Amino acid sequence: MDFDESGDIDVGRVDKFPAYRVFLWQQTPRPPKLANSPVQMGMMLTAWRVTGARDVREVLEWVDAERGDRTFGVYAEVADIGTTATDEVPDHVRLIRLAGYDPVDSSEPNPDPYFSDPADASAEQQRRAERRRQ
């Protein structure tokens, strides 16, 4: 991790209470007919849009209480430049990862760089190993 002093605040707008996206992934159960298949099963996704949170810690506390053994990702929602909002939801959004890991992102098969706590990285490695055995 690197830190560079940035001087003053040089941004146009600060969203004090952003919307967050929470994704929870769980391994799809293997049907009995495929018990001996070498094919890995897909992942089921449960997704939420969270508004009204005081800060990201509140969102992470909810995730810890809700996720069980599922893999999680927490993202800040940011409107793409030039989009319009309807009912407070932008037409197009970008997500900025704040915590967690996306297990279906095949470009990043190793979750270790995504967790600052070694225990979280180890738990995710165990979940990945269990998914391969299923």
C-alpha atoms as a PDB file:
ATOM      1  CA  MET A   1       0.000   0.000   0.000  1.00  0.00           C
ATOM      2  CA  ASP A   2       1.274   3.462  -0.908  1.00  0.00           C
ATOM      3  CA  PHE A   3       0.336   6.866   0.515  1.00  0.00           C
ATOM      4  CA  ASP A   4       0.913  10.160  -1.295  1.00  0.00           C
ATOM      5  CA  GLU A   5      -0.038  13.454   0.315  1.00  0.00           C
ATOM      6  CA  SER A   6      -2.655  14.993  -1.950  1.00  0.00           C
ATOM      7  CA  GLY A   7      -2.606  18.587  -0.712  1.00  0.00           C
ATOM      8  CA  ASP A   8      -6.060  20.063  -0.704  1.00  0.00           C
ATOM      9  CA  ILE A   9      -9.421  18.627  -1.617  1.00  0.00           C
ATOM     10  CA  ASP A  10      -9.700  18.914  -5.392  1.00  0.00           C
ATOM     11  CA  VAL A  11     -13.039  17.240  -6.005  1.00  0.00           C
ATOM     12  CA  GLY A  12     -16.250  18.839  -7.169  1.00  0.00           C
ATOM     13  CA  ARG A  13     -18.838  17.010  -5.104  1.00  0.00           C
ATOM     14  CA  VAL A  14     -18.778  14.671  -2.125  1.00  0.00           C
ATOM     15  CA  ASP A  15     -21.684  12.283  -1.686  1.00  0.00           C
ATOM     16  CA  LYS A  16     -22.027  12.137   2.111  1.00  0.00           C
ATOM     17  CA  PHE A  17     -24.310   9.094   2.130  1.00  0.00           C
ATOM     18  CA  PRO A  18     -23.599   7.047  -0.988  1.00  0.00           C
ATOM     19  CA  ALA A  19     -25.506   3.998  -2.082  1.00  0.00           C
ATOM     20  CA  TYR A  20     -23.698   0.701  -1.707  1.00  0.00           C
ATOM     21  CA  ARG A  21     -24.041  -2.588  -3.513  1.00  0.00           C
ATOM     22  CA  VAL A  22     -23.599  -5.835  -1.596  1.00  0.00           C
ATOM     23  CA  PHE A  23     -23.111  -9.099  -3.454  1.00  0.00           C
ATOM     24  CA  LEU A  24     -23.149 -12.498  -1.753  1.00  0.00           C
ATOM     25  CA  TRP A  25     -22.095 -15.539  -3.761  1.00  0.00           C
ATOM     26  CA  GLN A  26     -22.755 -19.153  -2.872  1.00  0.00           C
ATOM     27  CA  GLN A  27     -21.813 -22.349  -4.652  1.00  0.00           C
ATOM     28  CA  THR A  28     -24.732 -23.899  -6.544  1.00  0.00           C
ATOM     29  CA  PRO A  29     -25.511 -27.327  -5.046  1.00  0.00           C
ATOM     30  CA  ARG A  30     -24.486 -30.246  -7.246  1.00  0.00           C
ATOM     31  CA  PRO A  31     -27.465 -32.386  -8.319  1.00  0.00           C
ATOM     32  CA  PRO A  32     -27.136 -36.089  -7.466  1.00  0.00           C
ATOM     33  CA  LYS A  33     -27.042 -36.969 -11.197  1.00  0.00           C
ATOM     34  CA  LEU A  34     -23.800 -34.987 -11.506  1.00  0.00           C
ATOM     35  CA  ALA A  35     -22.155 -36.341  -8.354  1.00  0.00           C
ATOM     36  CA  ASN A  36     -19.147 -37.688 -10.283  1.00  0.00           C
ATOM     37  CA  SER A  37     -18.894 -34.916 -12.856  1.00  0.00           C
ATOM     38  CA  PRO A  38     -15.580 -33.032 -13.047  1.00  0.00           C
ATOM     39  CA  VAL A  39     -17.429 -29.865 -14.080  1.00  0.00           C
ATOM     40  CA  GLN A  40     -17.455 -27.158 -11.418  1.00  0.00           C
ATOM     41  CA  MET A  41     -20.912 -25.849 -10.585  1.00  0.00           C
ATOM     42  CA  GLY A  42     -21.801 -22.179 -10.994  1.00  0.00           C
ATOM     43  CA  MET A  43     -22.337 -19.576  -8.307  1.00  0.00           C
ATOM     44  CA  MET A  44     -25.652 -18.185  -7.049  1.00  0.00           C
ATOM     45  CA  LEU A  45     -25.697 -14.433  -6.472  1.00  0.00           C
ATOM     46  CA  THR A  46     -27.841 -12.514  -4.017  1.00  0.00           C
ATOM     47  CA  ALA A  47     -27.520  -8.755  -4.496  1.00  0.00           C
ATOM     48  CA  TRP A  48     -28.669  -5.740  -2.513  1.00  0.00           C
ATOM     49  CA  ARG A  49     -28.620  -1.992  -3.047  1.00  0.00           C
ATOM     50  CA  VAL A  50     -28.098  -0.350   0.337  1.00  0.00           C
ATOM     51  CA  THR A  51     -29.095   3.256   1.017  1.00  0.00           C
ATOM     52  CA  GLY A  52     -29.276   5.245   4.222  1.00  0.00           C
ATOM     53  CA  ALA A  53     -26.186   3.707   5.811  1.00  0.00           C
ATOM     54  CA  ARG A  54     -24.221   6.089   8.011  1.00  0.00           C
ATOM     55  CA  ASP A  55     -20.920   4.738   6.676  1.00  0.00           C
ATOM     56  CA  VAL A  56     -19.297   1.674   5.145  1.00  0.00           C
ATOM     57  CA  ARG A  57     -18.679   0.155   8.593  1.00  0.00           C
ATOM     58  CA  GLU A  58     -22.422  -0.119   9.105  1.00  0.00           C
ATOM     59  CA  VAL A  59     -22.721  -1.938   5.770  1.00  0.00           C
ATOM     60  CA  LEU A  60     -19.838  -4.286   6.657  1.00  0.00           C
ATOM     61  CA  GLU A  61     -21.412  -5.108  10.031  1.00  0.00           C
ATOM     62  CA  TRP A  62     -24.622  -6.065   8.227  1.00  0.00           C
ATOM     63  CA  VAL A  63     -22.634  -8.195   5.770  1.00  0.00           C
ATOM     64  CA  ASP A  64     -20.837 -10.011   8.604  1.00  0.00           C
ATOM     65  CA  ALA A  65     -24.177 -10.793  10.266  1.00  0.00           C
ATOM     66  CA  GLU A  66     -25.901 -11.857   7.021  1.00  0.00           C
ATOM     67  CA  ARG A  67     -23.369 -13.679   4.857  1.00  0.00           C
ATOM     68  CA  GLY A  68     -22.764 -16.944   6.701  1.00  0.00           C
ATOM     69  CA  ASP A  69     -20.281 -18.935   4.596  1.00  0.00           C
ATOM     70  CA  ARG A  70     -20.966 -16.983   1.410  1.00  0.00           C
ATOM     71  CA  THR A  71     -18.292 -14.957  -0.364  1.00  0.00           C
ATOM     72  CA  PHE A  72     -19.017 -11.231  -0.287  1.00  0.00           C
ATOM     73  CA  GLY A  73     -18.269  -8.045  -2.170  1.00  0.00           C
ATOM     74  CA  VAL A  74     -19.115  -4.516  -1.002  1.00  0.00           C
ATOM     75  CA  TYR A  75     -19.038  -1.673  -3.518  1.00  0.00           C
ATOM     76  CA  ALA A  76     -19.751   2.053  -3.534  1.00  0.00           C
ATOM     77  CA  GLU A  77     -22.128   3.052  -6.302  1.00  0.00           C
ATOM     78  CA  VAL A  78     -21.008   5.993  -8.431  1.00  0.00           C
ATOM     79  CA  ALA A  79     -23.026   7.503 -11.279  1.00  0.00           C
ATOM     80  CA  ASP A  80     -21.204   7.453 -14.609  1.00  0.00           C
ATOM     81  CA  ILE A  81     -20.575  10.906 -16.032  1.00  0.00           C
ATOM     82  CA  GLY A  82     -23.451  12.133 -18.165  1.00  0.00           C
ATOM     83  CA  THR A  83     -26.139   9.863 -16.735  1.00  0.00           C
ATOM     84  CA  THR A  84     -29.472  11.034 -15.459  1.00  0.00           C
ATOM     85  CA  ALA A  85     -31.118   9.917 -12.246  1.00  0.00           C
ATOM     86  CA  THR A  86     -34.638   8.579 -11.962  1.00  0.00           C
ATOM     87  CA  ASP A  87     -35.988   7.933  -8.472  1.00  0.00           C
ATOM     88  CA  GLU A  88     -32.493   8.535  -7.070  1.00  0.00           C
ATOM     89  CA  VAL A  89     -30.991   5.655  -9.100  1.00  0.00           C
ATOM     90  CA  PRO A  90     -28.619   6.667 -11.917  1.00  0.00           C
ATOM     91  CA  ASP A  91     -29.211   5.133 -15.351  1.00  0.00           C
ATOM     92  CA  HIS A  92     -25.643   3.837 -15.453  1.00  0.00           C
ATOM     93  CA  VAL A  93     -23.415   3.233 -12.467  1.00  0.00           C
ATOM     94  CA  ARG A  94     -19.851   2.250 -11.789  1.00  0.00           C
ATOM     95  CA  LEU A  95     -19.030   0.183  -8.752  1.00  0.00           C
ATOM     96  CA  ILE A  96     -15.917   0.798  -6.688  1.00  0.00           C
ATOM     97  CA  ARG A  97     -14.846  -2.214  -4.636  1.00  0.00           C
ATOM     98  CA  LEU A  98     -14.540  -1.368  -0.958  1.00  0.00           C
ATOM     99  CA  ALA A  99     -14.220  -4.839   0.530  1.00  0.00           C
ATOM    100  CA  GLY A 100     -14.473  -8.484  -0.402  1.00  0.00           C
ATOM    101  CA  TYR A 101     -13.871 -10.534  -3.498  1.00  0.00           C
ATOM    102  CA  ASP A 102     -15.750 -11.503  -6.672  1.00  0.00           C
ATOM    103  CA  PRO A 103     -15.349 -15.290  -7.066  1.00  0.00           C
ATOM    104  CA  VAL A 104     -16.743 -15.292 -10.617  1.00  0.00           C
ATOM    105  CA  ASP A 105     -14.118 -12.831 -11.912  1.00  0.00           C
ATOM    106  CA  SER A 106     -11.918 -15.297 -13.788  1.00  0.00           C
ATOM    107  CA  SER A 107      -9.232 -12.645 -14.321  1.00  0.00           C
ATOM    108  CA  GLU A 108      -8.409 -12.787 -10.585  1.00  0.00           C
ATOM    109  CA  PRO A 109      -8.348 -16.415  -9.427  1.00  0.00           C
ATOM    110  CA  ASN A 110      -6.393 -15.657  -6.244  1.00  0.00           C
ATOM    111  CA  PRO A 111      -8.393 -13.845  -3.518  1.00  0.00           C
ATOM    112  CA  ASP A 112      -5.385 -13.067  -1.278  1.00  0.00           C
ATOM    113  CA  PRO A 113      -4.719  -9.518  -2.580  1.00  0.00           C
ATOM    114  CA  TYR A 114      -8.329  -8.554  -1.819  1.00  0.00           C
ATOM    115  CA  PHE A 115      -8.216  -9.112   1.944  1.00  0.00           C
ATOM    116  CA  SER A 116      -6.130  -7.095   4.394  1.00  0.00           C
ATOM    117  CA  ASP A 117      -6.904  -9.577   7.181  1.00  0.00           C
ATOM    118  CA  PRO A 118      -5.038 -12.894   6.651  1.00  0.00           C
ATOM    119  CA  ALA A 119      -7.886 -14.746   8.381  1.00  0.00           C
ATOM    120  CA  ASP A 120     -10.352 -13.477   5.750  1.00  0.00           C
ATOM    121  CA  ALA A 121      -8.014 -14.530   2.925  1.00  0.00           C
ATOM    122  CA  SER A 122      -7.560 -17.953   4.509  1.00  0.00           C
ATOM    123  CA  ALA A 123     -11.320 -18.422   4.934  1.00  0.00           C
ATOM    124  CA  GLU A 124     -11.893 -17.504   1.274  1.00  0.00           C
ATOM    125  CA  GLN A 125      -9.194 -19.978   0.182  1.00  0.00           C
ATOM    126  CA  GLN A 126     -10.993 -22.683   2.194  1.00  0.00           C
ATOM    127  CA  ARG A 127     -14.326 -21.800   0.547  1.00  0.00           C
ATOM    128  CA  ARG A 128     -12.673 -22.010  -2.890  1.00  0.00           C
ATOM    129  CA  ALA A 129     -11.176 -25.416  -2.086  1.00  0.00           C
ATOM    130  CA  GLU A 130     -14.577 -26.654  -0.883  1.00  0.00           C
ATOM    131  CA  ARG A 131     -16.239 -25.401  -4.103  1.00  0.00           C
ATOM    132  CA  ARG A 132     -13.722 -27.372  -6.173  1.00  0.00           C
ATOM    133  CA  ARG A 133     -14.554 -30.558  -4.230  1.00  0.00           C
ATOM    134  CA  GLN A 134     -18.307 -30.133  -4.771  1.00  0.00           C
END
